[in-house]
Protein backbone atom coordinates (compact mmCIF):
# COMPACT_ATOMS: atom_id res chain seq x y z
CA MET A 1 80.76 -2.20 12.15
CA THR A 2 78.27 0.26 12.01
CA MET A 3 75.87 1.50 15.35
CA ILE A 4 73.44 -0.60 13.84
CA ASP A 5 75.29 -3.81 12.94
CA GLU A 6 76.68 -3.60 16.94
CA ARG A 7 73.00 -3.04 18.21
CA LEU A 8 72.29 -6.98 15.87
CA ALA A 9 75.27 -8.80 17.08
CA SER A 10 74.54 -7.96 21.44
CA LEU A 11 70.81 -8.55 20.33
CA VAL A 12 72.64 -12.05 18.75
CA LYS A 13 75.38 -12.29 22.33
CA ALA A 14 72.47 -12.48 24.47
CA GLY A 15 70.17 -15.06 22.90
CA GLY A 16 73.10 -17.45 21.78
CA ARG A 17 76.38 -19.29 22.15
CA ALA A 18 79.89 -18.14 21.77
CA ASP A 19 80.82 -21.84 20.79
CA ALA A 20 78.64 -23.20 18.78
CA ARG A 21 78.97 -23.56 15.61
CA PRO A 22 77.38 -21.50 12.22
CA GLU A 23 74.39 -22.55 11.04
CA TRP A 24 74.47 -21.02 7.56
CA ASN A 25 78.31 -19.23 5.21
CA VAL A 26 76.91 -16.76 4.88
CA ARG A 27 80.47 -14.61 3.68
CA PRO A 28 78.44 -14.21 0.69
CA LEU A 29 76.47 -11.55 3.07
CA GLY A 30 80.23 -10.07 3.67
CA ALA A 31 80.14 -8.83 0.12
CA LEU A 32 75.87 -6.86 -0.45
CA ARG A 33 76.70 -3.19 1.08
CA ILE A 34 73.26 -1.58 2.40
CA GLY A 35 73.03 1.28 1.36
CA GLY A 36 69.74 3.88 2.24
CA GLU A 37 66.13 3.24 0.59
CA GLY A 38 67.31 -0.68 0.95
CA PHE A 39 68.83 -0.24 -2.05
CA ALA A 40 71.55 -3.90 -2.16
CA PHE A 41 74.34 -4.25 -4.20
CA HIS A 42 76.65 -7.72 -3.82
CA GLU A 43 79.98 -6.38 -4.80
CA THR A 44 80.77 -9.98 -5.39
CA THR A 45 78.40 -10.83 -8.44
CA GLY A 46 77.26 -7.22 -8.88
CA ALA A 47 73.59 -7.94 -8.47
CA MET A 48 71.98 -5.70 -6.96
CA PHE A 49 68.77 -6.00 -4.55
CA THR A 50 66.14 -4.13 -2.66
CA LEU A 51 65.31 -4.54 0.72
CA SER A 52 63.24 -4.04 3.16
CA ALA A 53 64.06 -2.08 6.51
CA THR A 54 62.80 -5.86 8.28
CA ALA A 55 64.88 -7.72 5.44
CA ALA A 56 67.99 -5.68 6.64
CA GLU A 57 68.51 -6.23 10.01
CA LEU A 58 67.84 -9.79 9.11
CA VAL A 59 70.81 -9.98 6.97
CA GLY A 60 72.21 -7.64 9.87
CA LEU A 61 71.82 -10.47 12.13
CA LEU A 62 73.14 -13.18 10.25
CA ARG A 63 76.37 -11.21 9.86
CA SER A 64 76.04 -11.25 13.60
CA GLY A 65 75.40 -14.83 13.67
CA ALA A 66 71.87 -15.16 14.59
CA ASN A 67 70.67 -19.30 13.91
CA ARG A 68 67.19 -19.65 12.98
CA GLU A 69 65.15 -18.99 16.05
CA GLN A 70 66.16 -15.68 16.20
CA LEU A 71 65.48 -14.28 13.31
CA ILE A 72 61.75 -15.51 14.03
CA ASP A 73 62.60 -13.72 17.53
CA ALA A 74 63.19 -10.72 16.63
CA LEU A 75 60.48 -10.52 13.94
CA CYS A 76 57.58 -11.69 16.48
CA ARG A 77 58.74 -8.34 18.56
CA ARG A 78 59.37 -5.74 14.92
CA CYS A 79 56.61 -7.41 13.10
CA ARG A 80 53.95 -8.32 16.45
CA ILE A 81 52.64 -11.34 14.94
CA ALA A 82 52.31 -14.71 15.56
CA ARG A 83 56.06 -17.47 16.11
CA SER A 84 53.96 -19.33 13.14
CA VAL A 85 53.64 -17.00 11.43
CA ALA A 86 57.01 -15.57 11.99
CA ALA A 87 59.30 -19.14 11.18
CA ARG A 88 56.99 -19.07 7.95
CA ASP A 89 58.28 -15.58 6.48
CA THR A 90 61.51 -16.05 8.17
CA GLY A 91 61.81 -19.37 6.23
CA ARG A 92 61.06 -18.56 2.85
CA PHE A 93 63.56 -15.07 3.18
CA LEU A 94 65.43 -18.23 4.12
CA ALA A 95 64.38 -19.66 1.06
CA MET A 96 65.34 -16.60 -0.83
CA LEU A 97 69.36 -16.24 0.58
CA ARG A 98 69.92 -19.87 -1.05
CA ARG A 99 69.10 -18.62 -3.75
CA GLU A 100 70.49 -15.92 -4.82
CA GLY A 101 73.79 -17.60 -3.73
CA LEU A 102 73.79 -15.89 0.09
CA LEU A 103 73.91 -18.38 2.11
CA ALA A 104 74.18 -21.74 1.94
CA ASP A 105 72.61 -23.79 5.14
CA HIS A 106 76.01 -24.99 6.53
CA ALA A 107 79.05 -23.02 7.24
CA ASP A 108 80.99 -25.52 4.86
CA GLN A 109 78.97 -25.04 1.42
CA LYS A 110 79.52 -23.28 -0.73
CA PRO A 111 75.94 -21.28 -1.98
CA ASP A 112 74.67 -22.24 -5.42
CA SER A 113 73.32 -19.18 -6.77
CA GLN A 114 71.72 -22.49 -8.85
CA ASP A 115 69.96 -23.93 -6.20
CA ARG A 116 66.31 -23.03 -6.86
CA THR A 117 64.79 -26.88 -5.29
CA LEU A 118 63.88 -24.74 -2.03
CA THR A 119 60.40 -22.68 -3.21
CA ALA A 120 57.71 -20.41 -1.17
CA SER A 121 54.23 -20.41 -1.73
CA CYS A 122 51.96 -18.02 -1.61
CA PRO A 123 48.83 -18.50 0.38
């Protein structure tokens, strides 16, 4: 675990419950290797991504077991934006992860990279 992952894990533990069932299946995120300059490579699929520093932080929080509310809180703090804006942006980010097959809604579901039902539109 890197220093950043340890810091993120401590943030999640401060606001999370150890006995809570995970909100998502984040196992596919474990194979996502994030390098410098925001480049990410998924070891299993070979897919390549570019992540902003904020997106990389949210991925780290997800890996540490954060729930939706914790992601929204982190985005509010990091970007100093209204909670409603952070909630909208978090939803869009989670939908993108689902479309890419990196996240499923429940721990017992397998991610489906062909699922294109969750879309976000820009104003």
